[in-house]
Protein backbone atom coordinates (compact mmCIF):
# COMPACT_ATOMS: atom_id res chain seq x y z
CA UNK A 1 7.63 -32.93 9.03
CA UNK A 2 7.95 -28.90 8.65
CA UNK A 3 11.16 -28.16 6.70
CA UNK A 4 13.38 -27.27 9.45
CA UNK A 5 15.43 -24.68 7.52
CA UNK A 6 11.88 -23.16 6.29
CA UNK A 7 12.78 -19.48 7.88
CA UNK A 8 16.16 -19.33 5.89
CA UNK A 9 14.41 -20.40 2.98
CA UNK A 10 11.79 -17.51 3.46
CA UNK A 11 14.43 -15.11 4.59
CA UNK A 12 16.08 -15.86 1.23
CA UNK A 13 13.49 -15.43 -0.65
CA UNK A 14 12.95 -12.12 0.53
CA UNK A 15 16.10 -11.30 0.39
CA UNK A 16 15.84 -12.18 -3.52
CA UNK A 17 13.25 -9.95 -4.01
CA UNK A 18 14.31 -7.31 -2.16
CA UNK A 19 17.72 -6.81 -4.50
CA UNK A 20 15.33 -7.69 -7.49
CA UNK A 21 13.77 -4.92 -6.66
CA UNK A 22 16.41 -2.07 -5.97
CA UNK A 23 17.59 -3.51 -9.39
CA UNK A 24 14.49 -2.54 -10.99
CA UNK A 25 14.47 -5.82 -12.46
CA UNK A 26 10.77 -7.88 -12.20
CA UNK A 27 10.15 -11.42 -12.24
CA UNK A 28 10.19 -12.42 -15.90
CA UNK A 29 13.58 -10.72 -16.62
CA UNK A 30 15.40 -12.58 -13.62
CA UNK A 31 13.90 -15.29 -14.95
CA UNK A 32 15.37 -15.11 -18.22
CA UNK A 33 18.89 -13.90 -17.16
CA UNK A 34 19.38 -17.17 -15.27
CA UNK A 35 16.90 -19.61 -17.36
CA UNK A 36 13.96 -19.91 -15.27
CA UNK A 37 10.13 -19.43 -15.38
CA UNK A 38 8.79 -16.61 -13.99
CA UNK A 39 6.73 -18.66 -11.45
CA UNK A 40 9.53 -20.73 -10.09
CA UNK A 41 11.46 -17.03 -9.12
CA UNK A 42 7.90 -16.14 -7.04
CA UNK A 43 8.41 -19.65 -5.72
CA UNK A 44 11.64 -18.61 -4.42
CA UNK A 45 10.64 -15.46 -3.47
CA UNK A 46 7.76 -16.51 -1.44
CA UNK A 47 9.84 -19.32 0.41
CA UNK A 48 8.45 -21.93 -1.49
CA UNK A 49 10.92 -23.33 -3.35
CA UNK A 50 14.75 -24.50 -2.07
CA UNK A 51 17.61 -23.68 -4.04
CA UNK A 52 20.67 -25.58 -4.88
CA UNK A 53 23.54 -23.99 -4.83
CA UNK A 54 24.28 -23.39 -8.30
CA UNK A 55 21.01 -21.68 -8.63
CA UNK A 56 22.04 -19.26 -6.00
CA UNK A 57 25.33 -18.12 -8.14
CA UNK A 58 23.30 -17.52 -10.93
CA UNK A 59 20.82 -15.67 -9.33
CA UNK A 60 23.61 -13.61 -7.28
CA UNK A 61 25.07 -12.81 -11.22
CA UNK A 62 22.10 -12.12 -12.83
CA UNK A 63 21.79 -9.17 -9.75
CA UNK A 64 25.11 -8.55 -9.73
CA UNK A 65 25.84 -8.91 -5.92
CA UNK A 66 27.87 -11.40 -3.80
CA UNK A 67 26.51 -14.67 -2.58
CA UNK A 68 27.04 -13.64 1.29
CA UNK A 69 24.41 -10.48 0.54
CA UNK A 70 21.73 -13.15 0.44
CA UNK A 71 22.58 -13.50 4.11
CA UNK A 72 23.70 -10.28 5.80
CA UNK A 73 21.32 -9.09 8.00
CA UNK A 74 21.54 -5.37 5.63
CA UNK A 75 21.86 -5.68 2.03
CA UNK A 76 24.26 -3.04 0.77
CA UNK A 77 24.21 -2.21 -2.74
CA UNK A 78 27.72 -1.50 -4.69
C-alpha cells in the first residue's frame, strides 16, 4: 500500500532542500550538523525517507528555521 502521506513527505523534503540551498549548505554539511550521512539527507530531500520528529527538530536547528517553516506555503527567511 502506498504511504498515504507520501505527498507531504515529498513536500517536506523539497522544503528542506530549498532552505538548505538558501543557507548555501551542501548535503554533507547538513548531514554532519545533525549527525546523519549525506545519503540520508538525499533520501529526505527526495521524499524517500520519512523522518521522525526529533530529526525534524535537528534539521530546523541546523538550518536556523522554525519547525513551521518546513510546512508553510512559502519560506520566509529571517
